[in-house]
Amino acid sequence: MDTKVTLSFDEDVIVKAKQFADANNISLSRLTEYLFRKITTSNYKSLEDLPISDWVSVVSEGALEYKTKSQNRKALKQEYFDSKK
């Protein structure tokens, strides 16, 4: 059973990911599911343990950067709706 999820990414990353998915005859949703499945079926203890494939360079550019926010639910909801204006 499929479950919907809302994610936010840098627009350039999404454009390149869609191009990659199209070139490989797969939807962006299935590509994301594939990547999540690969991550969750292995015993990675940290982000640094994740193997980075060559195709990641095709999908993204620049230095790898992980951003975390310590906002409450109300602030995150407001940020989401503001981004849709």
Protein backbone atom coordinates (compact mmCIF):
# COMPACT_ATOMS: atom_id res chain seq x y z
CA MET A 1 0.00 0.00 0.00
CA ASP A 2 1.34 3.41 -0.93
CA THR A 3 1.35 6.24 1.61
CA LYS A 4 1.72 9.88 0.62
CA VAL A 5 4.41 12.05 2.16
CA THR A 6 5.30 15.69 1.62
CA LEU A 7 8.99 16.58 1.34
CA SER A 8 10.80 19.82 0.56
CA PHE A 9 13.96 19.92 -1.55
CA ASP A 10 16.04 22.55 -3.29
CA GLU A 11 14.40 23.24 -6.66
CA ASP A 12 17.59 22.54 -8.65
CA VAL A 13 17.93 19.12 -7.02
CA ILE A 14 14.34 18.25 -7.90
CA VAL A 15 14.79 19.32 -11.54
CA LYS A 16 17.90 17.15 -11.88
CA ALA A 17 16.31 14.25 -10.00
CA LYS A 18 13.29 14.36 -12.33
CA GLN A 19 15.60 14.34 -15.35
CA PHE A 20 17.49 11.39 -13.90
CA ALA A 21 14.26 9.52 -13.17
CA ASP A 22 12.90 10.22 -16.67
CA ALA A 23 16.13 9.05 -18.28
CA ASN A 24 15.86 5.81 -16.31
CA ASN A 25 12.15 5.25 -16.99
CA ILE A 26 11.10 5.55 -13.36
CA SER A 27 8.92 8.03 -11.51
CA LEU A 28 10.47 10.38 -8.99
CA SER A 29 8.30 8.77 -6.31
CA ARG A 30 9.62 5.28 -7.11
CA LEU A 31 13.20 6.57 -7.29
CA THR A 32 12.81 8.12 -3.84
CA GLU A 33 11.20 4.93 -2.53
CA TYR A 34 14.10 2.90 -3.95
CA LEU A 35 16.65 5.11 -2.22
CA PHE A 36 14.79 5.01 1.10
CA ARG A 37 14.50 1.22 0.83
CA LYS A 38 18.25 0.91 0.23
CA ILE A 39 18.97 3.07 3.27
CA THR A 40 16.50 1.37 5.61
CA THR A 41 17.40 -2.23 4.74
CA SER A 42 21.03 -1.79 5.76
CA ASN A 43 22.59 -1.12 9.12
CA TYR A 44 23.85 2.41 8.67
CA LYS A 45 24.63 4.11 11.97
CA SER A 46 25.13 7.62 10.63
CA LEU A 47 24.85 9.70 7.46
CA GLU A 48 28.59 9.31 6.93
CA ASP A 49 28.14 5.53 6.64
CA LEU A 50 25.85 5.83 3.61
CA PRO A 51 27.48 4.79 0.34
CA ILE A 52 27.41 7.57 -2.22
CA SER A 53 26.97 6.32 -5.77
CA ASP A 54 28.32 8.04 -8.86
CA TRP A 55 24.82 9.03 -9.96
CA VAL A 56 24.48 11.32 -6.95
CA SER A 57 26.89 13.67 -8.68
CA VAL A 58 24.53 13.76 -11.64
CA VAL A 59 21.50 14.56 -9.49
CA SER A 60 23.09 17.15 -7.24
CA GLU A 61 25.90 19.65 -7.39
CA GLY A 62 28.00 21.37 -4.79
CA ALA A 63 29.03 20.24 -1.35
CA LEU A 64 26.80 17.90 0.60
CA GLU A 65 24.91 19.80 3.26
CA TYR A 66 22.45 18.53 5.85
CA LYS A 67 20.08 21.11 7.26
CA THR A 68 18.02 20.61 10.35
CA LYS A 69 15.49 22.95 11.84
CA SER A 70 14.42 23.12 15.44
CA GLN A 71 11.04 24.68 14.82
CA ASN A 72 7.77 23.77 16.40
CA ARG A 73 4.93 22.26 14.38
CA LYS A 74 3.08 25.56 14.03
CA ALA A 75 6.17 27.34 12.66
CA LEU A 76 6.84 24.52 10.18
CA LYS A 77 3.23 24.60 9.00
CA GLN A 78 3.40 28.37 8.50
CA GLU A 79 6.71 28.06 6.61
CA TYR A 80 5.15 25.46 4.32
CA PHE A 81 2.11 27.60 3.52
CA ASP A 82 4.27 30.70 3.02
CA SER A 83 6.39 28.78 0.49
CA LYS A 84 3.26 28.03 -1.58
CA LYS A 85 2.37 31.72 -2.05
